[in-house]
């Protein structure tokens, strides 16, 4: 399948405080964030007295169809859509995770990855803690419950100081909603507001991984939750505190390259602006004598628009994507070459035949899918195929909430650019430079970015030992 040679989305979270139909807003918010995870989804609501949960495997629209939302009515809600980066793909690991503890009822949803989770879990288990899942998110729940702090906000702050890695999370208790980001700001989390209608007492406060969720529910973006910040909203109003001193910002640059929707503001920057500039910068650095610019849809579209605008070469949709491919399909008994790619993409022969094509994609991971796409374009009659990638070569795995292959599976970690070009069968191949990537994404303007997947230099003290399942932690390199 085409998706097997892409980085996989992490997760999406949403939270709603003070709305008579909080469960419906959470559902709509998750629908807008579906691109961030398609394995499972869940919503927890509060009616002011107790919490109610529903979660299942599958897509948001399928899970919350029928009368499911009627059973979740409440004025507070959190939601989560998941692609597993830590823990198996199974219902037991679906989020939010809800528990009854000595701090009361609470449920938590998390986007990211805790790089010291295995160490903390082993220590807690040796002390008698019993884990119900193998998700790293449950580590935070246990740390909150075991905290010596008396109040839930203080216990949460105490727990967050003990974990290392990437996390943007939301939590709910019967009368409060919490939102927090890790001190380095790896993953996005935005805050918005829906003005109170006539007769309502207060505005609705919402949180979401991306601002595209606000557009669907009629919320106005106010600001990002700041790195190291914990926001608590309850009967006494909204409070904000920094549970940890700020550290050097390491926002994931791949949010700009691929993960986030182009219509979102992420880390204070329009994703559409970043991706178009990626293409323009790529055209400056790696021009090609060609007749048309063709994106690999959907991830290469905006960068291809930028490349075409900068180079003056016409932009054409020479590959058409089938958006209605489900998880299962019937494959012909007699194997069709490159069947998985053909199931999702089909070339437009009338546009490609006899043309010199600049093919734009956001990344090459293993190289297998790029090879099939280049072969498909040639098979449609293209005279030349010049492959251009709108990010640098990916040479290292991510440990901060992105599912990436091991280093031995990353083609750029093991082959030269010319060897990769030969493997994928392109007439030429060029990647965007690291400096070009940083410039295009506004590095240093509103945040600084983590580029560990391109450099192998990790911004935390801990990374996971590669190829061990379950992962074990060890000290990793620091940014110098």
Protein backbone atom coordinates (compact mmCIF):
# COMPACT_ATOMS: atom_id res chain seq x y z
CA UNK A 1 0.00 0.00 0.00
CA UNK A 2 1.11 3.53 -0.68
CA UNK A 3 0.92 4.61 2.97
CA UNK A 4 3.47 2.00 4.04
CA UNK A 5 6.30 4.13 2.68
CA UNK A 6 5.27 7.33 4.44
CA UNK A 7 5.82 8.60 7.95
CA UNK A 8 2.63 7.89 9.84
CA UNK A 9 0.61 10.58 11.55
CA UNK A 10 0.81 10.70 15.33
CA UNK A 11 -2.51 11.51 17.04
CA UNK A 12 -5.02 14.30 17.35
CA UNK A 13 -6.61 15.68 20.53
CA UNK A 14 -9.51 18.03 21.20
CA UNK A 15 -11.10 19.46 24.38
CA UNK A 16 -14.29 21.45 24.98
CA UNK A 17 -15.20 23.41 28.12
CA UNK A 18 -18.67 24.85 28.78
CA UNK A 19 -20.88 24.02 25.81
CA UNK A 20 -24.35 22.43 25.95
CA UNK A 21 -23.37 20.08 23.12
CA UNK A 22 -19.74 19.46 24.02
CA UNK A 23 -19.91 15.88 22.77
CA UNK A 24 -20.92 17.02 19.28
CA UNK A 25 -18.18 19.65 19.13
CA UNK A 26 -15.64 17.02 20.21
CA UNK A 27 -16.90 14.71 17.48
CA UNK A 28 -16.64 17.42 14.82
CA UNK A 29 -13.19 18.43 16.06
CA UNK A 30 -11.97 14.83 15.79
CA UNK A 31 -13.49 14.61 12.31
CA UNK A 32 -11.33 17.57 11.27
CA UNK A 33 -8.28 15.86 12.82
CA UNK A 34 -8.93 12.46 11.23
CA UNK A 35 -5.77 12.81 9.11
CA UNK A 36 -3.70 12.58 12.30
CA UNK A 37 -4.81 9.03 13.09
CA UNK A 38 -7.17 6.48 11.61
CA UNK A 39 -6.82 3.46 13.90
CA UNK A 40 -9.12 4.36 16.79
CA UNK A 41 -10.95 7.25 18.35
CA UNK A 42 -12.64 8.07 21.63
CA UNK A 43 -14.59 10.77 23.47
CA UNK A 44 -15.03 11.29 27.21
CA UNK A 45 -17.67 13.75 28.45
CA UNK A 46 -18.75 15.12 31.80
CA UNK A 47 -22.26 16.02 32.90
CA UNK A 48 -20.84 17.81 35.95
CA UNK A 49 -21.05 14.75 38.18
CA UNK A 50 -19.47 11.82 36.39
CA UNK A 51 -17.54 10.92 33.24
CA UNK A 52 -18.87 8.96 30.27
CA UNK A 53 -16.67 7.30 27.64
CA UNK A 54 -17.00 5.68 24.25
CA UNK A 55 -14.06 4.55 22.13
CA UNK A 56 -13.56 2.00 19.38
CA UNK A 57 -11.34 0.98 16.50
CA UNK A 58 -11.98 2.66 13.17
CA UNK A 59 -12.79 6.09 11.77
CA UNK A 60 -14.49 8.88 13.70
CA UNK A 61 -17.67 8.97 11.58
CA UNK A 62 -18.16 5.22 11.93
CA UNK A 63 -17.48 5.07 15.68
CA UNK A 64 -19.87 7.87 16.66
CA UNK A 65 -22.72 7.12 14.29
CA UNK A 66 -26.29 6.36 15.31
CA UNK A 67 -27.27 7.26 18.87
CA UNK A 68 -23.76 6.96 20.38
CA UNK A 69 -23.42 10.70 20.93
CA UNK A 70 -26.78 10.77 22.70
CA UNK A 71 -25.23 8.61 25.42
CA UNK A 72 -22.35 11.06 25.83
CA UNK A 73 -24.22 14.28 26.51
CA UNK A 74 -22.27 16.74 28.60
CA UNK A 75 -20.95 20.27 28.79
CA UNK A 76 -17.27 19.22 29.00
CA UNK A 77 -15.52 16.83 26.64
CA UNK A 78 -12.15 15.60 25.42
CA UNK A 79 -11.45 13.47 22.37
CA UNK A 80 -8.64 11.58 20.70
CA UNK A 81 -7.97 10.03 17.33
CA UNK A 82 -5.04 7.64 17.25
CA UNK A 83 -2.31 6.19 15.19
CA UNK A 84 -0.12 4.09 17.47
CA UNK A 85 3.49 5.17 17.94
CA UNK A 86 3.89 3.49 21.31
CA UNK A 87 1.77 0.49 22.21
CA UNK A 88 -0.03 -2.00 20.03
CA UNK A 89 -2.83 -1.18 17.63
CA UNK A 90 -5.67 -2.54 19.78
CA UNK A 91 -8.80 -1.30 21.52
CA UNK A 92 -7.18 -1.54 24.95
CA UNK A 93 -4.77 1.21 23.85
CA UNK A 94 -7.45 3.47 22.39
CA UNK A 95 -7.71 6.83 24.13
CA UNK A 96 -8.78 8.75 26.16
CA UNK A 97 -7.68 6.60 29.10
CA UNK A 98 -10.22 6.94 31.92
CA UNK A 99 -9.62 5.91 35.54
CA UNK A 100 -11.06 6.27 39.02
CA UNK A 101 -8.18 7.19 41.35
CA UNK A 102 -7.46 8.74 44.73
CA UNK A 103 -7.55 12.08 42.88
CA UNK A 104 -11.07 11.33 41.62
CA UNK A 105 -12.31 10.42 38.15
CA UNK A 106 -10.16 11.60 35.28
CA UNK A 107 -9.48 10.83 31.64
CA UNK A 108 -6.44 11.78 29.59
CA UNK A 109 -5.63 11.96 25.86
CA UNK A 110 -2.11 12.44 24.56
CA UNK A 111 -0.34 13.27 21.31
CA UNK A 112 3.37 12.52 21.32
CA UNK A 113 5.77 9.97 22.75
CA UNK A 114 7.46 9.73 26.15
CA UNK A 115 11.04 8.63 25.63
CA UNK A 116 11.52 7.62 29.26
CA UNK A 117 8.19 5.80 29.56
CA UNK A 118 9.72 2.30 29.62
CA UNK A 119 12.03 3.24 32.50
CA UNK A 120 9.23 4.83 34.55
CA UNK A 121 6.86 1.95 33.88
CA UNK A 122 9.40 -0.65 34.96
CA UNK A 123 10.01 1.26 38.20
CA UNK A 124 6.29 1.66 38.94
CA UNK A 125 5.57 -2.00 38.21
CA UNK A 126 8.36 -3.04 40.58
CA UNK A 127 6.56 -0.98 43.24
CA UNK A 128 3.25 -2.72 42.62
CA UNK A 129 1.51 -0.59 40.00
CA UNK A 130 -0.70 -2.54 37.59
CA UNK A 131 -0.98 -1.27 34.01
CA UNK A 132 -4.05 -1.97 31.90
CA UNK A 133 -2.52 -0.95 28.54
CA UNK A 134 0.90 -0.85 26.93
CA UNK A 135 0.50 2.78 25.85
CA UNK A 136 2.99 5.30 27.20
CA UNK A 137 0.06 7.59 27.99
CA UNK A 138 -0.93 5.41 30.95
CA UNK A 139 2.41 6.25 32.60
CA UNK A 140 1.19 9.84 33.06
CA UNK A 141 -2.07 8.62 34.59
CA UNK A 142 -0.16 6.51 37.15
CA UNK A 143 2.18 9.38 38.00
CA UNK A 144 -0.80 11.66 38.65
CA UNK A 145 -2.49 9.09 40.87
CA UNK A 146 0.71 8.40 42.83
CA UNK A 147 1.67 12.04 43.28
CA UNK A 148 1.90 13.28 46.85
CA UNK A 149 0.29 16.54 45.75
CA UNK A 150 -3.25 16.83 47.08
CA UNK A 151 -5.07 18.63 44.23
CA UNK A 152 -5.47 17.33 40.71
CA UNK A 153 -3.83 20.38 39.06
CA UNK A 154 -0.81 20.13 41.35
CA UNK A 155 -0.59 16.36 40.85
CA UNK A 156 -0.72 16.81 37.09
CA UNK A 157 2.06 19.40 37.16
CA UNK A 158 4.12 17.08 39.36
CA UNK A 159 3.60 14.18 36.92
CA UNK A 160 4.53 16.23 33.87
CA UNK A 161 7.82 17.26 35.45
CA UNK A 162 8.77 13.58 35.68
CA UNK A 163 8.33 12.62 32.02
CA UNK A 164 10.64 13.33 29.12
CA UNK A 165 9.77 13.63 25.46
CA UNK A 166 6.97 14.99 23.33
CA UNK A 167 3.46 15.52 24.64
CA UNK A 168 0.52 17.74 23.93
CA UNK A 169 -2.30 16.48 26.11
CA UNK A 170 -5.79 17.22 27.34
CA UNK A 171 -7.42 15.88 30.51
CA UNK A 172 -10.90 15.99 31.98
CA UNK A 173 -12.34 15.62 35.49
CA UNK A 174 -16.03 16.00 36.37
CA UNK A 175 -15.77 19.79 36.57
CA UNK A 176 -12.49 20.74 34.87
CA UNK A 177 -10.59 20.57 31.59
CA UNK A 178 -6.78 20.60 31.48
CA UNK A 179 -4.37 21.25 28.57
CA UNK A 180 -0.57 21.06 28.55
CA UNK A 181 2.45 20.92 26.27
CA UNK A 182 5.94 19.61 26.93
CA UNK A 183 8.65 22.21 27.71
CA UNK A 184 10.24 21.93 24.25
CA UNK A 185 6.96 22.29 22.36
CA UNK A 186 7.43 19.29 20.08
CA UNK A 187 3.76 18.85 19.19
CA UNK A 188 1.15 21.53 18.45
CA UNK A 189 -1.82 22.40 20.69
CA UNK A 190 -3.98 25.46 20.01
CA UNK A 191 -6.59 27.24 22.14
CA UNK A 192 -9.71 28.86 20.75
CA UNK A 193 -12.98 30.43 21.87
CA UNK A 194 -16.65 30.28 20.88
CA UNK A 195 -18.53 33.41 22.07
CA UNK A 196 -21.48 32.73 24.37
CA UNK A 197 -24.89 32.86 22.72
CA UNK A 198 -27.75 34.87 24.13
CA UNK A 199 -28.83 33.35 27.43
CA UNK A 200 -25.58 31.46 27.96
CA UNK A 201 -23.37 32.39 30.91
CA UNK A 202 -19.86 32.02 29.50
CA UNK A 203 -17.77 31.55 26.38
CA UNK A 204 -16.78 28.06 25.33
CA UNK A 205 -13.03 27.37 25.46
CA UNK A 206 -11.68 24.76 23.07
CA UNK A 207 -8.33 23.09 22.48
CA UNK A 208 -7.20 21.13 19.42
CA UNK A 209 -4.05 19.78 17.82
CA UNK A 210 -4.67 21.95 14.76
CA UNK A 211 -6.69 25.09 14.10
CA UNK A 212 -8.56 23.45 11.19
CA UNK A 213 -10.75 21.89 13.91
CA UNK A 214 -11.77 25.38 15.07
CA UNK A 215 -13.04 26.30 11.60
CA UNK A 216 -15.50 23.41 11.62
CA UNK A 217 -16.98 24.19 15.05
CA UNK A 218 -17.04 27.97 14.71
CA UNK A 219 -14.25 28.75 17.16
CA UNK A 220 -11.77 31.58 16.84
CA UNK A 221 -8.08 30.82 17.33
CA UNK A 222 -6.64 32.76 20.28
CA UNK A 223 -3.15 31.38 20.82
CA UNK A 224 -1.07 28.24 21.16
CA UNK A 225 -0.71 26.55 24.51
CA UNK A 226 2.85 27.55 25.34
CA UNK A 227 5.64 25.01 25.81
CA UNK A 228 5.77 23.98 29.47
CA UNK A 229 2.35 25.53 30.17
CA UNK A 230 -0.52 23.88 32.04
CA UNK A 231 -3.95 25.47 31.58
CA UNK A 232 -6.80 24.52 33.91
CA UNK A 233 -10.40 25.63 33.30
CA UNK A 234 -12.99 25.05 36.02
CA UNK A 235 -15.77 26.68 38.02
CA UNK A 236 -13.32 29.31 39.29
CA UNK A 237 -12.33 30.29 35.73
CA UNK A 238 -9.17 29.72 33.72
CA UNK A 239 -5.73 29.57 35.28
CA UNK A 240 -2.36 29.21 33.60
CA UNK A 241 0.99 28.19 35.05
CA UNK A 242 4.34 26.95 33.83
CA UNK A 243 4.96 23.62 35.51
CA UNK A 244 8.51 23.48 34.13
CA UNK A 245 11.13 26.04 33.10
CA UNK A 246 11.17 26.70 29.38
CA UNK A 247 13.80 24.90 27.33
CA UNK A 248 15.18 25.34 23.85
CA UNK A 249 12.23 25.02 21.49
CA UNK A 250 12.18 21.88 19.32
CA UNK A 251 8.91 22.00 17.41
CA UNK A 252 8.55 19.16 14.91
CA UNK A 253 9.35 20.56 11.48
CA UNK A 254 7.59 17.63 9.81
CA UNK A 255 4.30 19.15 10.97
CA UNK A 256 5.00 21.86 8.38
CA UNK A 257 6.33 19.45 5.75
CA UNK A 258 3.63 16.77 5.85
CA UNK A 259 1.50 16.03 8.92
CA UNK A 260 -0.68 19.08 9.43
CA UNK A 261 -3.45 20.14 7.10
CA UNK A 262 -2.54 23.08 4.82
CA UNK A 263 -5.48 25.07 6.20
CA UNK A 264 -4.09 24.98 9.75
CA UNK A 265 -1.96 27.40 11.72
CA UNK A 266 0.73 25.32 13.42
CA UNK A 267 3.39 26.77 15.74
CA UNK A 268 2.07 30.22 14.84
CA UNK A 269 2.66 29.75 11.10
CA UNK A 270 0.32 29.00 8.19
CA UNK A 271 1.13 25.50 6.91
CA UNK A 272 0.08 26.51 3.38
CA UNK A 273 2.69 29.30 3.44
CA UNK A 274 5.45 26.95 4.58
CA UNK A 275 4.73 24.28 1.99
CA UNK A 276 4.48 26.67 -0.91
CA UNK A 277 7.79 28.20 0.13
CA UNK A 278 9.31 24.71 0.37
CA UNK A 279 8.49 24.27 -3.31
CA UNK A 280 9.81 27.70 -4.28
CA UNK A 281 13.05 27.08 -2.42
CA UNK A 282 13.37 23.66 -4.03
CA UNK A 283 12.98 25.22 -7.48
CA UNK A 284 15.80 27.66 -6.70
CA UNK A 285 18.11 24.96 -5.41
CA UNK A 286 17.28 22.16 -7.86
CA UNK A 287 15.96 23.47 -11.20
CA UNK A 288 15.10 21.05 -14.01
CA UNK A 289 14.60 21.32 -17.76
CA UNK A 290 11.04 20.06 -17.97
CA UNK A 291 7.59 20.54 -19.51
CA UNK A 292 5.29 20.06 -16.50
CA UNK A 293 5.36 19.93 -12.69
CA UNK A 294 3.33 17.04 -11.24
CA UNK A 295 2.66 16.50 -7.52
CA UNK A 296 2.37 13.16 -5.78
CA UNK A 297 -1.07 13.72 -4.22
CA UNK A 298 -2.02 14.79 -1.71
CA UNK A 299 1.13 15.53 0.26
CA UNK A 300 3.13 16.97 -2.63
CA UNK A 301 0.47 19.32 -4.02
CA UNK A 302 1.27 22.59 -2.24
CA UNK A 303 5.04 22.25 -2.65
CA UNK A 304 4.49 21.49 -6.35
CA UNK A 305 2.46 24.68 -6.68
CA UNK A 306 5.38 26.62 -5.23
CA UNK A 307 7.89 24.88 -7.50
CA UNK A 308 5.79 25.63 -10.56
CA UNK A 309 5.29 29.28 -9.60
CA UNK A 310 9.00 29.82 -9.00
CA UNK A 311 10.24 27.90 -12.05
CA UNK A 312 7.58 29.01 -14.52
CA UNK A 313 6.94 25.39 -15.50
CA UNK A 314 3.20 24.59 -15.79
CA UNK A 315 1.56 22.76 -12.88
CA UNK A 316 -0.54 19.74 -13.83
CA UNK A 317 -2.41 17.04 -11.89
CA UNK A 318 -0.76 14.20 -13.75
CA UNK A 319 -1.57 11.70 -10.99
CA UNK A 320 -5.11 11.29 -9.68
CA UNK A 321 -5.69 9.90 -6.21
CA UNK A 322 -8.57 7.59 -5.31
CA UNK A 323 -9.78 8.86 -1.91
CA UNK A 324 -12.19 5.99 -1.36
CA UNK A 325 -9.80 3.13 -0.70
CA UNK A 326 -10.77 1.30 2.47
CA UNK A 327 -8.67 -0.87 4.72
CA UNK A 328 -9.49 -4.05 2.80
CA UNK A 329 -9.80 -4.84 -0.88
CA UNK A 330 -9.89 -7.84 -3.21
CA UNK A 331 -6.64 -8.31 -5.10
CA UNK A 332 -6.65 -10.24 -8.39
CA UNK A 333 -5.35 -13.79 -8.16
CA UNK A 334 -2.83 -13.07 -10.88
CA UNK A 335 -0.63 -10.45 -9.24
CA UNK A 336 -0.85 -6.97 -10.75
CA UNK A 337 2.51 -5.21 -10.65
CA UNK A 338 2.56 -2.31 -8.17
CA UNK A 339 -1.04 -3.07 -7.25
CA UNK A 340 -0.99 -1.17 -3.93
CA UNK A 341 0.11 2.08 -5.58
CA UNK A 342 -2.26 1.66 -8.54
CA UNK A 343 -5.11 1.22 -6.09
CA UNK A 344 -4.53 4.76 -4.79
CA UNK A 345 -2.98 6.59 -7.76
CA UNK A 346 -3.65 6.59 -11.48
CA UNK A 347 -1.67 8.51 -14.13
CA UNK A 348 -3.27 10.86 -16.63
CA UNK A 349 -1.68 9.59 -19.83
CA UNK A 350 -2.83 12.53 -21.96
CA UNK A 351 -0.86 14.91 -19.69
CA UNK A 352 2.25 12.76 -19.19
CA UNK A 353 2.84 11.20 -22.59
CA UNK A 354 5.95 12.57 -24.28
CA UNK A 355 6.58 15.07 -21.46
CA UNK A 356 9.62 15.83 -19.32
CA UNK A 357 8.11 15.66 -15.82
CA UNK A 358 9.21 17.21 -12.53
CA UNK A 359 7.65 14.92 -9.92
CA UNK A 360 7.27 16.56 -6.48
CA UNK A 361 6.88 14.61 -3.22
CA UNK A 362 7.36 15.55 0.43
CA UNK A 363 9.78 12.76 1.40
CA UNK A 364 11.37 9.45 0.53
CA UNK A 365 11.38 6.96 3.40
CA UNK A 366 12.16 3.44 2.20
CA UNK A 367 12.09 4.37 -1.48
CA UNK A 368 9.83 1.51 -2.53
CA UNK A 369 6.76 3.65 -3.20
CA UNK A 370 8.78 6.32 -5.03
CA UNK A 371 10.16 3.59 -7.26
CA UNK A 372 6.65 2.40 -8.14
CA UNK A 373 5.37 5.92 -8.81
CA UNK A 374 8.30 6.77 -11.09
CA UNK A 375 7.68 3.50 -12.95
CA UNK A 376 3.98 4.37 -13.25
CA UNK A 377 4.74 7.81 -14.69
CA UNK A 378 7.16 6.32 -17.20
CA UNK A 379 4.58 3.69 -18.08
CA UNK A 380 2.15 6.48 -18.95
CA UNK A 381 4.62 7.71 -21.58
CA UNK A 382 6.70 10.34 -19.79
CA UNK A 383 9.94 11.04 -21.66
CA UNK A 384 11.89 12.00 -18.50
CA UNK A 385 11.14 11.92 -14.77
CA UNK A 386 12.98 14.36 -12.49
CA UNK A 387 12.14 13.61 -8.85
CA UNK A 388 12.27 16.52 -6.40
CA UNK A 389 11.76 16.14 -2.63
CA UNK A 390 10.63 19.10 -0.51
CA UNK A 391 12.73 18.14 2.54
CA UNK A 392 16.28 16.86 3.16
CA UNK A 393 17.19 13.14 3.14
CA UNK A 394 15.64 11.33 6.12
CA UNK A 395 18.51 9.56 7.88
CA UNK A 396 17.27 8.97 11.45
CA UNK A 397 14.10 7.69 13.13
CA UNK A 398 11.88 9.92 15.25
CA UNK A 399 11.20 9.18 18.93
CA UNK A 400 8.82 12.05 19.58
CA UNK A 401 5.45 10.76 18.42
CA UNK A 402 6.04 9.89 14.77
CA UNK A 403 6.07 6.29 13.58
CA UNK A 404 9.23 6.02 11.49
CA UNK A 405 11.17 2.98 10.27
CA UNK A 406 14.43 1.96 11.89
CA UNK A 407 17.64 3.47 10.52
CA UNK A 408 18.46 0.33 8.55
CA UNK A 409 15.14 0.75 6.67
CA UNK A 410 15.67 4.44 5.81
CA UNK A 411 17.08 4.47 2.31
CA UNK A 412 18.88 7.81 2.72
CA UNK A 413 20.74 6.47 5.78
CA UNK A 414 22.21 3.67 3.70
CA UNK A 415 22.55 4.93 0.13
CA UNK A 416 23.96 7.99 -1.60
CA UNK A 417 21.63 10.31 -3.50
CA UNK A 418 22.85 8.88 -6.79
CA UNK A 419 22.24 5.35 -5.53
CA UNK A 420 18.73 6.37 -4.48
CA UNK A 421 18.13 7.93 -7.91
CA UNK A 422 19.21 4.70 -9.54
CA UNK A 423 16.98 2.64 -7.19
CA UNK A 424 13.83 4.69 -7.86
CA UNK A 425 14.58 4.93 -11.58
CA UNK A 426 14.47 8.71 -11.97
CA UNK A 427 16.49 10.67 -14.52
CA UNK A 428 17.53 13.03 -11.73
CA UNK A 429 16.89 13.34 -8.01
CA UNK A 430 17.33 16.28 -5.67
CA UNK A 431 16.32 17.03 -2.09
CA UNK A 432 15.76 20.39 -0.44
CA UNK A 433 18.72 21.44 1.72
CA UNK A 434 18.42 21.65 5.50
CA UNK A 435 19.05 25.40 5.37
CA UNK A 436 16.37 25.72 2.69
CA UNK A 437 13.91 23.77 4.83
CA UNK A 438 14.52 25.94 7.88
CA UNK A 439 14.21 29.12 5.86
CA UNK A 440 10.97 28.01 4.20
CA UNK A 441 9.37 27.08 7.54
CA UNK A 442 10.40 30.30 9.29
CA UNK A 443 12.83 28.69 11.71
CA UNK A 444 13.66 31.16 14.47
CA UNK A 445 10.69 33.45 13.81
CA UNK A 446 8.02 32.07 16.17
CA UNK A 447 9.71 28.80 17.12
CA UNK A 448 12.83 26.79 16.47
CA UNK A 449 12.45 23.32 15.02
CA UNK A 450 13.56 19.79 15.76
CA UNK A 451 15.31 18.38 12.68
CA UNK A 452 16.60 15.15 14.24
CA UNK A 453 15.19 12.99 11.44
CA UNK A 454 17.49 14.83 9.01
CA UNK A 455 20.54 15.26 11.25
CA UNK A 456 20.53 12.45 13.83
CA UNK A 457 20.99 15.05 16.59
CA UNK A 458 18.25 14.65 19.19
CA UNK A 459 17.14 17.44 21.52
CA UNK A 460 16.45 15.29 24.61
CA UNK A 461 18.62 13.27 26.99
CA UNK A 462 16.89 10.02 26.12
CA UNK A 463 16.20 8.16 22.91
CA UNK A 464 15.03 4.61 22.40
CA UNK A 465 17.44 1.82 21.54
CA UNK A 466 16.64 1.03 17.94
CA UNK A 467 14.99 -2.20 16.86
CA UNK A 468 14.15 -3.42 20.37
CA UNK A 469 10.50 -4.24 21.03
CA UNK A 470 9.39 -3.11 23.48
CA UNK A 471 11.73 -0.16 23.30
CA UNK A 472 14.28 0.43 26.04
CA UNK A 473 15.67 3.87 26.79
CA UNK A 474 19.27 5.01 26.85
CA UNK A 475 21.02 8.40 26.98
CA UNK A 476 21.07 10.10 23.61
CA UNK A 477 22.98 13.03 22.13
CA UNK A 478 22.16 16.57 23.19
CA UNK A 479 21.96 19.55 20.92
CA UNK A 480 25.33 21.24 21.22
